[in-house]
Amino acid sequence: MSIPTNIVEGRGQKSGADFARFLGYALNSSSELEYHLIVARDIEIIGEGDFRALRDQIIEVRKMLYGLSKRVVSPARSSPAPNDVPTSS
């Protein structure tokens, strides 16, 4: 729950830099989650197959977060700042 919560909280910030900071928190949360999965596997709460499948999903989420973070901090990005609301013509 921490990963999406950090994304949502960051989206409500006033600047792209603040949003990027919260995306960093989300990335850190993904590392925490991976650690919890390692422990769950090691104490045999989950099996190796479930561990690998979940770890692969975490890796995909990290890739998405890195990509989003790069877009947010890029000065030539094409997307609006977090609190910019598009207006209809």
PDB file of N, CA and C in Angstrom:
ATOM      1  N   MET A   1       0.817  -1.201   0.000  1.00  0.00           N
ATOM      2  CA  MET A   1       0.000   0.000   0.000  1.00  0.00           C
ATOM      3  C   MET A   1       0.856   1.259   0.000  1.00  0.00           C
ATOM      4  N   SER A   2       2.079   1.165   0.464  1.00  0.00           N
ATOM      5  CA  SER A   2       2.931   2.343   0.571  1.00  0.00           C
ATOM      6  C   SER A   2       3.319   2.909  -0.791  1.00  0.00           C
ATOM      7  N   ILE A   3       3.556   2.051  -1.763  1.00  0.00           N
ATOM      8  CA  ILE A   3       3.990   2.530  -3.079  1.00  0.00           C
ATOM      9  C   ILE A   3       2.928   3.441  -3.703  1.00  0.00           C
ATOM     10  N   PRO A   4       1.691   2.972  -3.886  1.00  0.00           N
ATOM     11  CA  PRO A   4       0.701   3.860  -4.500  1.00  0.00           C
ATOM     12  C   PRO A   4       0.343   5.061  -3.633  1.00  0.00           C
ATOM     13  N   THR A   5       0.415   4.902  -2.320  1.00  0.00           N
ATOM     14  CA  THR A   5       0.124   6.028  -1.435  1.00  0.00           C
ATOM     15  C   THR A   5       1.130   7.150  -1.644  1.00  0.00           C
ATOM     16  N   ASN A   6       2.410   6.802  -1.788  1.00  0.00           N
ATOM     17  CA  ASN A   6       3.427   7.820  -2.050  1.00  0.00           C
ATOM     18  C   ASN A   6       3.208   8.488  -3.401  1.00  0.00           C
ATOM     19  N   ILE A   7       2.793   7.727  -4.396  1.00  0.00           N
ATOM     20  CA  ILE A   7       2.530   8.308  -5.711  1.00  0.00           C
ATOM     21  C   ILE A   7       1.379   9.307  -5.623  1.00  0.00           C
ATOM     22  N   VAL A   8       0.310   8.910  -4.975  1.00  0.00           N
ATOM     23  CA  VAL A   8      -0.861   9.786  -4.843  1.00  0.00           C
ATOM     24  C   VAL A   8      -0.494  11.044  -4.056  1.00  0.00           C
ATOM     25  N   GLU A   9       0.220  10.866  -2.964  1.00  0.00           N
ATOM     26  CA  GLU A   9       0.613  12.030  -2.162  1.00  0.00           C
ATOM     27  C   GLU A   9       1.513  12.968  -2.969  1.00  0.00           C
ATOM     28  N   GLY A  10       2.430  12.407  -3.733  1.00  0.00           N
ATOM     29  CA  GLY A  10       3.318  13.217  -4.553  1.00  0.00           C
ATOM     30  C   GLY A  10       2.595  13.953  -5.653  1.00  0.00           C
ATOM     31  N   ARG A  11       1.587  13.336  -6.211  1.00  0.00           N
ATOM     32  CA  ARG A  11       0.818  13.952  -7.292  1.00  0.00           C
ATOM     33  C   ARG A  11       0.133  15.232  -6.824  1.00  0.00           C
ATOM     34  N   GLY A  12      -0.152  15.312  -5.553  1.00  0.00           N
ATOM     35  CA  GLY A  12      -0.809  16.489  -5.000  1.00  0.00           C
ATOM     36  C   GLY A  12       0.137  17.618  -4.640  1.00  0.00           C
ATOM     37  N   GLN A  13       1.429  17.432  -4.866  1.00  0.00           N
ATOM     38  CA  GLN A  13       2.407  18.455  -4.523  1.00  0.00           C
ATOM     39  C   GLN A  13       2.396  19.589  -5.546  1.00  0.00           C
ATOM     40  N   LYS A  14       3.032  20.695  -5.184  1.00  0.00           N
ATOM     41  CA  LYS A  14       2.978  21.902  -6.010  1.00  0.00           C
ATOM     42  C   LYS A  14       3.960  21.911  -7.172  1.00  0.00           C
ATOM     43  N   SER A  15       5.007  21.117  -7.109  1.00  0.00           N
ATOM     44  CA  SER A  15       6.006  21.173  -8.179  1.00  0.00           C
ATOM     45  C   SER A  15       6.391  19.776  -8.641  1.00  0.00           C
ATOM     46  N   GLY A  16       6.973  19.737  -9.833  1.00  0.00           N
ATOM     47  CA  GLY A  16       7.476  18.476 -10.359  1.00  0.00           C
ATOM     48  C   GLY A  16       8.584  17.907  -9.492  1.00  0.00           C
ATOM     49  N   ALA A  17       9.420  18.796  -8.927  1.00  0.00           N
ATOM     50  CA  ALA A  17      10.502  18.329  -8.057  1.00  0.00           C
ATOM     51  C   ALA A  17       9.951  17.647  -6.809  1.00  0.00           C
ATOM     52  N   ASP A  18       8.877  18.205  -6.245  1.00  0.00           N
ATOM     53  CA  ASP A  18       8.254  17.578  -5.075  1.00  0.00           C
ATOM     54  C   ASP A  18       7.630  16.239  -5.454  1.00  0.00           C
ATOM     55  N   PHE A  19       6.981  16.195  -6.621  1.00  0.00           N
ATOM     56  CA  PHE A  19       6.404  14.941  -7.098  1.00  0.00           C
ATOM     57  C   PHE A  19       7.504  13.897  -7.258  1.00  0.00           C
ATOM     58  N   ALA A  20       8.635  14.283  -7.840  1.00  0.00           N
ATOM     59  CA  ALA A  20       9.759  13.373  -8.031  1.00  0.00           C
ATOM     60  C   ALA A  20      10.276  12.842  -6.695  1.00  0.00           C
ATOM     61  N   ARG A  21      10.279  13.704  -5.684  1.00  0.00           N
ATOM     62  CA  ARG A  21      10.724  13.277  -4.348  1.00  0.00           C
ATOM     63  C   ARG A  21       9.828  12.158  -3.822  1.00  0.00           C
ATOM     64  N   PHE A  22       8.525  12.298  -4.003  1.00  0.00           N
ATOM     65  CA  PHE A  22       7.606  11.260  -3.544  1.00  0.00           C
ATOM     66  C   PHE A  22       7.716   9.999  -4.394  1.00  0.00           C
ATOM     67  N   LEU A  23       8.048  10.152  -5.661  1.00  0.00           N
ATOM     68  CA  LEU A  23       8.303   8.966  -6.482  1.00  0.00           C
ATOM     69  C   LEU A  23       9.522   8.224  -5.955  1.00  0.00           C
ATOM     70  N   GLY A  24      10.495   8.972  -5.451  1.00  0.00           N
ATOM     71  CA  GLY A  24      11.653   8.350  -4.798  1.00  0.00           C
ATOM     72  C   GLY A  24      11.241   7.571  -3.560  1.00  0.00           C
ATOM     73  N   TYR A  25      10.320   8.128  -2.808  1.00  0.00           N
ATOM     74  CA  TYR A  25       9.802   7.399  -1.640  1.00  0.00           C
ATOM     75  C   TYR A  25       9.113   6.106  -2.087  1.00  0.00           C
ATOM     76  N   ALA A  26       8.377   6.181  -3.184  1.00  0.00           N
ATOM     77  CA  ALA A  26       7.702   4.992  -3.708  1.00  0.00           C
ATOM     78  C   ALA A  26       8.732   3.939  -4.120  1.00  0.00           C
ATOM     79  N   LEU A  27       9.824   4.376  -4.746  1.00  0.00           N
ATOM     80  CA  LEU A  27      10.898   3.440  -5.100  1.00  0.00           C
ATOM     81  C   LEU A  27      11.491   2.792  -3.850  1.00  0.00           C
ATOM     82  N   ASN A  28      11.709   3.597  -2.820  1.00  0.00           N
ATOM     83  CA  ASN A  28      12.222   3.036  -1.568  1.00  0.00           C
ATOM     84  C   ASN A  28      11.244   2.031  -0.970  1.00  0.00           C
ATOM     85  N   SER A  29       9.964   2.317  -1.093  1.00  0.00           N
ATOM     86  CA  SER A  29       8.954   1.390  -0.590  1.00  0.00           C
ATOM     87  C   SER A  29       8.991   0.077  -1.362  1.00  0.00           C
ATOM     88  N   SER A  30       9.324   0.146  -2.644  1.00  0.00           N
ATOM     89  CA  SER A  30       9.417  -1.098  -3.422  1.00  0.00           C
ATOM     90  C   SER A  30      10.579  -1.955  -2.925  1.00  0.00           C
ATOM     91  N   SER A  31      11.654  -1.310  -2.477  1.00  0.00           N
ATOM     92  CA  SER A  31      12.772  -2.060  -1.897  1.00  0.00           C
ATOM     93  C   SER A  31      12.358  -2.718  -0.584  1.00  0.00           C
ATOM     94  N   GLU A  32      11.591  -1.994   0.205  1.00  0.00           N
ATOM     95  CA  GLU A  32      11.077  -2.577   1.455  1.00  0.00           C
ATOM     96  C   GLU A  32      10.206  -3.787   1.165  1.00  0.00           C
ATOM     97  N   LEU A  33       9.336  -3.647   0.172  1.00  0.00           N
ATOM     98  CA  LEU A  33       8.448  -4.749  -0.187  1.00  0.00           C
ATOM     99  C   LEU A  33       9.259  -5.954  -0.648  1.00  0.00           C
ATOM    100  N   GLU A  34      10.285  -5.714  -1.439  1.00  0.00           N
ATOM    101  CA  GLU A  34      11.114  -6.825  -1.903  1.00  0.00           C
ATOM    102  C   GLU A  34      11.769  -7.532  -0.718  1.00  0.00           C
ATOM    103  N   TYR A  35      12.229  -6.765   0.247  1.00  0.00           N
ATOM    104  CA  TYR A  35      12.817  -7.361   1.443  1.00  0.00           C
ATOM    105  C   TYR A  35      11.799  -8.221   2.192  1.00  0.00           C
ATOM    106  N   HIS A  36      10.584  -7.716   2.327  1.00  0.00           N
ATOM    107  CA  HIS A  36       9.541  -8.488   3.005  1.00  0.00           C
ATOM    108  C   HIS A  36       9.272  -9.798   2.263  1.00  0.00           C
ATOM    109  N   LEU A  37       9.304  -9.752   0.947  1.00  0.00           N
ATOM    110  CA  LEU A  37       9.117 -10.974   0.162  1.00  0.00           C
ATOM    111  C   LEU A  37      10.264 -11.958   0.376  1.00  0.00           C
ATOM    112  N   ILE A  38      11.485 -11.441   0.454  1.00  0.00           N
ATOM    113  CA  ILE A  38      12.636 -12.309   0.714  1.00  0.00           C
ATOM    114  C   ILE A  38      12.477 -13.000   2.058  1.00  0.00           C
ATOM    115  N   VAL A  39      12.090 -12.238   3.065  1.00  0.00           N
ATOM    116  CA  VAL A  39      11.887 -12.827   4.396  1.00  0.00           C
ATOM    117  C   VAL A  39      10.759 -13.862   4.352  1.00  0.00           C
ATOM    118  N   ALA A  40       9.658 -13.529   3.677  1.00  0.00           N
ATOM    119  CA  ALA A  40       8.532 -14.466   3.582  1.00  0.00           C
ATOM    120  C   ALA A  40       8.966 -15.764   2.905  1.00  0.00           C
ATOM    121  N   ARG A  41       9.802 -15.647   1.880  1.00  0.00           N
ATOM    122  CA  ARG A  41      10.309 -16.851   1.218  1.00  0.00           C
ATOM    123  C   ARG A  41      11.234 -17.628   2.154  1.00  0.00           C
ATOM    124  N   ASP A  42      12.135 -16.908   2.822  1.00  0.00           N
ATOM    125  CA  ASP A  42      13.123 -17.563   3.672  1.00  0.00           C
ATOM    126  C   ASP A  42      12.498 -18.284   4.861  1.00  0.00           C
ATOM    127  N   ILE A  43      11.399 -17.748   5.386  1.00  0.00           N
ATOM    128  CA  ILE A  43      10.737 -18.442   6.509  1.00  0.00           C
ATOM    129  C   ILE A  43       9.583 -19.308   6.024  1.00  0.00           C
ATOM    130  N   GLU A  44       9.542 -19.486   4.709  1.00  0.00           N
ATOM    131  CA  GLU A  44       8.643 -20.422   4.039  1.00  0.00           C
ATOM    132  C   GLU A  44       7.163 -20.095   4.181  1.00  0.00           C
ATOM    133  N   ILE A  45       6.855 -18.797   4.188  1.00  0.00           N
ATOM    134  CA  ILE A  45       5.456 -18.370   4.146  1.00  0.00           C
ATOM    135  C   ILE A  45       4.966 -18.400   2.707  1.00  0.00           C
ATOM    136  N   ILE A  46       5.866 -18.086   1.776  1.00  0.00           N
ATOM    137  CA  ILE A  46       5.548 -18.199   0.351  1.00  0.00           C
ATOM    138  C   ILE A  46       6.591 -19.095  -0.307  1.00  0.00           C
ATOM    139  N   GLY A  47       6.195 -19.714  -1.392  1.00  0.00           N
ATOM    140  CA  GLY A  47       7.111 -20.580  -2.122  1.00  0.00           C
ATOM    141  C   GLY A  47       7.983 -19.798  -3.079  1.00  0.00           C
ATOM    142  N   GLU A  48       8.971 -20.493  -3.619  1.00  0.00           N
ATOM    143  CA  GLU A  48       9.921 -19.863  -4.543  1.00  0.00           C
ATOM    144  C   GLU A  48       9.230 -19.336  -5.795  1.00  0.00           C
ATOM    145  N   GLY A  49       8.267 -20.069  -6.322  1.00  0.00           N
ATOM    146  CA  GLY A  49       7.561 -19.628  -7.530  1.00  0.00           C
ATOM    147  C   GLY A  49       6.781 -18.345  -7.297  1.00  0.00           C
ATOM    148  N   ASP A  50       6.065 -18.275  -6.180  1.00  0.00           N
ATOM    149  CA  ASP A  50       5.331 -17.053  -5.845  1.00  0.00           C
ATOM    150  C   ASP A  50       6.299 -15.891  -5.608  1.00  0.00           C
ATOM    151  N   PHE A  51       7.407 -16.188  -4.933  1.00  0.00           N
ATOM    152  CA  PHE A  51       8.407 -15.148  -4.686  1.00  0.00           C
ATOM    153  C   PHE A  51       8.908 -14.559  -5.998  1.00  0.00           C
ATOM    154  N   ARG A  52       9.289 -15.430  -6.935  1.00  0.00           N
ATOM    155  CA  ARG A  52       9.829 -14.955  -8.219  1.00  0.00           C
ATOM    156  C   ARG A  52       8.794 -14.143  -8.994  1.00  0.00           C
ATOM    157  N   ALA A  53       7.550 -14.617  -9.010  1.00  0.00           N
ATOM    158  CA  ALA A  53       6.501 -13.891  -9.732  1.00  0.00           C
ATOM    159  C   ALA A  53       6.280 -12.507  -9.129  1.00  0.00           C
ATOM    160  N   LEU A  54       6.232 -12.421  -7.803  1.00  0.00           N
ATOM    161  CA  LEU A  54       6.019 -11.144  -7.127  1.00  0.00           C
ATOM    162  C   LEU A  54       7.236 -10.227  -7.277  1.00  0.00           C
ATOM    163  N   ARG A  55       8.432 -10.805  -7.201  1.00  0.00           N
ATOM    164  CA  ARG A  55       9.649 -10.003  -7.387  1.00  0.00           C
ATOM    165  C   ARG A  55       9.682  -9.421  -8.800  1.00  0.00           C
ATOM    166  N   ASP A  56       9.289 -10.225  -9.786  1.00  0.00           N
ATOM    167  CA  ASP A  56       9.244  -9.731 -11.163  1.00  0.00           C
ATOM    168  C   ASP A  56       8.271  -8.562 -11.301  1.00  0.00           C
ATOM    169  N   GLN A  57       7.156  -8.622 -10.590  1.00  0.00           N
ATOM    170  CA  GLN A  57       6.194  -7.516 -10.621  1.00  0.00           C
ATOM    171  C   GLN A  57       6.786  -6.265  -9.978  1.00  0.00           C
ATOM    172  N   ILE A  58       7.533  -6.438  -8.909  1.00  0.00           N
ATOM    173  CA  ILE A  58       8.188  -5.300  -8.257  1.00  0.00           C
ATOM    174  C   ILE A  58       9.182  -4.658  -9.215  1.00  0.00           C
ATOM    175  N   ILE A  59       9.923  -5.471  -9.941  1.00  0.00           N
ATOM    176  CA  ILE A  59      10.892  -4.945 -10.909  1.00  0.00           C
ATOM    177  C   ILE A  59      10.172  -4.125 -11.975  1.00  0.00           C
ATOM    178  N   GLU A  60       9.032  -4.601 -12.454  1.00  0.00           N
ATOM    179  CA  GLU A  60       8.257  -3.850 -13.445  1.00  0.00           C
ATOM    180  C   GLU A  60       7.759  -2.525 -12.880  1.00  0.00           C
ATOM    181  N   VAL A  61       7.299  -2.543 -11.643  1.00  0.00           N
ATOM    182  CA  VAL A  61       6.841  -1.307 -10.997  1.00  0.00           C
ATOM    183  C   VAL A  61       8.000  -0.322 -10.880  1.00  0.00           C
ATOM    184  N   ARG A  62       9.182  -0.822 -10.504  1.00  0.00           N
ATOM    185  CA  ARG A  62      10.355   0.055 -10.413  1.00  0.00           C
ATOM    186  C   ARG A  62      10.677   0.693 -11.757  1.00  0.00           C
ATOM    187  N   LYS A  63      10.616  -0.084 -12.814  1.00  0.00           N
ATOM    188  CA  LYS A  63      10.881   0.457 -14.151  1.00  0.00           C
ATOM    189  C   LYS A  63       9.895   1.573 -14.480  1.00  0.00           C
ATOM    190  N   MET A  64       8.632   1.353 -14.156  1.00  0.00           N
ATOM    191  CA  MET A  64       7.629   2.383 -14.410  1.00  0.00           C
ATOM    192  C   MET A  64       7.888   3.627 -13.571  1.00  0.00           C
ATOM    193  N   LEU A  65       8.253   3.430 -12.304  1.00  0.00           N
ATOM    194  CA  LEU A  65       8.535   4.571 -11.434  1.00  0.00           C
ATOM    195  C   LEU A  65       9.758   5.343 -11.911  1.00  0.00           C
ATOM    196  N   TYR A  66      10.809   4.640 -12.327  1.00  0.00           N
ATOM    197  CA  TYR A  66      11.989   5.325 -12.857  1.00  0.00           C
ATOM    198  C   TYR A  66      11.622   6.134 -14.098  1.00  0.00           C
ATOM    199  N   GLY A  67      10.854   5.537 -14.989  1.00  0.00           N
ATOM    200  CA  GLY A  67      10.449   6.245 -16.195  1.00  0.00           C
ATOM    201  C   GLY A  67       9.623   7.479 -15.888  1.00  0.00           C
ATOM    202  N   LEU A  68       8.665   7.345 -14.980  1.00  0.00           N
ATOM    203  CA  LEU A  68       7.834   8.484 -14.592  1.00  0.00           C
ATOM    204  C   LEU A  68       8.681   9.565 -13.931  1.00  0.00           C
ATOM    205  N   SER A  69       9.585   9.159 -13.071  1.00  0.00           N
ATOM    206  CA  SER A  69      10.442  10.114 -12.382  1.00  0.00           C
ATOM    207  C   SER A  69      11.294  10.893 -13.379  1.00  0.00           C
ATOM    208  N   LYS A  70      11.855  10.216 -14.359  1.00  0.00           N
ATOM    209  CA  LYS A  70      12.658  10.897 -15.374  1.00  0.00           C
ATOM    210  C   LYS A  70      11.817  11.907 -16.142  1.00  0.00           C
ATOM    211  N   ARG A  71      10.581  11.554 -16.434  1.00  0.00           N
ATOM    212  CA  ARG A  71       9.688  12.465 -17.155  1.00  0.00           C
ATOM    213  C   ARG A  71       9.330  13.682 -16.319  1.00  0.00           C
ATOM    214  N   VAL A  72       9.129  13.461 -15.045  1.00  0.00           N
ATOM    215  CA  VAL A  72       8.726  14.554 -14.153  1.00  0.00           C
ATOM    216  C   VAL A  72       9.855  15.566 -13.983  1.00  0.00           C
ATOM    217  N   VAL A  73      11.091  15.104 -13.886  1.00  0.00           N
ATOM    218  CA  VAL A  73      12.205  16.018 -13.647  1.00  0.00           C
ATOM    219  C   VAL A  73      12.808  16.573 -14.935  1.00  0.00           C
ATOM    220  N   SER A  74      12.437  16.037 -16.080  1.00  0.00           N
ATOM    221  CA  SER A  74      12.964  16.503 -17.358  1.00  0.00           C
ATOM    222  C   SER A  74      12.415  17.885 -17.674  1.00  0.00           C
ATOM    223  N   PRO A  75      13.293  18.855 -17.978  1.00  0.00           N
ATOM    224  CA  PRO A  75      12.807  20.210 -18.245  1.00  0.00           C
ATOM    225  C   PRO A  75      12.003  20.320 -19.541  1.00  0.00           C
ATOM    226  N   ALA A  76      12.195  19.410 -20.473  1.00  0.00           N
ATOM    227  CA  ALA A  76      11.495  19.486 -21.764  1.00  0.00           C
ATOM    228  C   ALA A  76      10.345  18.488 -21.831  1.00  0.00           C
ATOM    229  N   ARG A  77       9.768  18.165 -20.688  1.00  0.00           N
ATOM    230  CA  ARG A  77       8.704  17.160 -20.699  1.00  0.00           C
ATOM    231  C   ARG A  77       7.441  17.721 -21.339  1.00  0.00           C
ATOM    232  N   SER A  78       6.655  16.831 -21.859  1.00  0.00           N
ATOM    233  CA  SER A  78       5.449  17.267 -22.558  1.00  0.00           C
ATOM    234  C   SER A  78       4.202  17.191 -21.695  1.00  0.00           C
ATOM    235  N   SER A  79       4.325  16.623 -20.493  1.00  0.00           N
ATOM    236  CA  SER A  79       3.157  16.505 -19.627  1.00  0.00           C
ATOM    237  C   SER A  79       3.074  17.703 -18.687  1.00  0.00           C
ATOM    238  N   PRO A  80       1.885  18.020 -18.209  1.00  0.00           N
ATOM    239  CA  PRO A  80       1.729  19.163 -17.316  1.00  0.00           C
ATOM    240  C   PRO A  80       2.307  18.903 -15.933  1.00  0.00           C
ATOM    241  N   ALA A  81       2.592  19.960 -15.196  1.00  0.00           N
ATOM    242  CA  ALA A  81       3.029  19.853 -13.816  1.00  0.00           C
ATOM    243  C   ALA A  81       1.917  19.229 -13.005  1.00  0.00           C
ATOM    244  N   PRO A  82       2.233  18.673 -11.814  1.00  0.00           N
ATOM    245  CA  PRO A  82       1.241  17.939 -11.042  1.00  0.00           C
ATOM    246  C   PRO A  82      -0.082  18.643 -10.820  1.00  0.00           C
ATOM    247  N   ASN A  83      -0.085  19.937 -10.539  1.00  0.00           N
ATOM    248  CA  ASN A  83      -1.343  20.607 -10.230  1.00  0.00           C
ATOM    249  C   ASN A  83      -1.918  21.405 -11.401  1.00  0.00           C
ATOM    250  N   ASP A  84      -1.281  21.292 -12.583  1.00  0.00           N
ATOM    251  CA  ASP A  84      -1.839  21.951 -13.761  1.00  0.00           C
ATOM    252  C   ASP A  84      -3.061  21.172 -14.220  1.00  0.00           C
ATOM    253  N   VAL A  85      -4.138  21.853 -14.352  1.00  0.00           N
ATOM    254  CA  VAL A  85      -5.379  21.219 -14.789  1.00  0.00           C
ATOM    255  C   VAL A  85      -5.635  21.666 -16.224  1.00  0.00           C
ATOM    256  N   PRO A  86      -5.716  20.702 -17.151  1.00  0.00           N
ATOM    257  CA  PRO A  86      -5.995  21.103 -18.527  1.00  0.00           C
ATOM    258  C   PRO A  86      -7.379  21.749 -18.633  1.00  0.00           C
ATOM    259  N   THR A  87      -7.468  22.749 -19.488  1.00  0.00           N
ATOM    260  CA  THR A  87      -8.759  23.398 -19.719  1.00  0.00           C
ATOM    261  C   THR A  87      -9.272  23.004 -21.085  1.00  0.00           C
ATOM    262  N   SER A  88     -10.560  22.905 -21.213  1.00  0.00           N
ATOM    263  CA  SER A  88     -11.137  22.554 -22.509  1.00  0.00           C
ATOM    264  C   SER A  88     -11.357  23.822 -23.314  1.00  0.00           C
ATOM    265  N   SER A  89     -11.247  23.688 -24.633  1.00  0.00           N
ATOM    266  CA  SER A  89     -11.410  24.846 -25.515  1.00  0.00           C
ATOM    267  C   SER A  89     -12.846  25.068 -25.860  1.00  0.00           C
TER     268      SER A  89
END
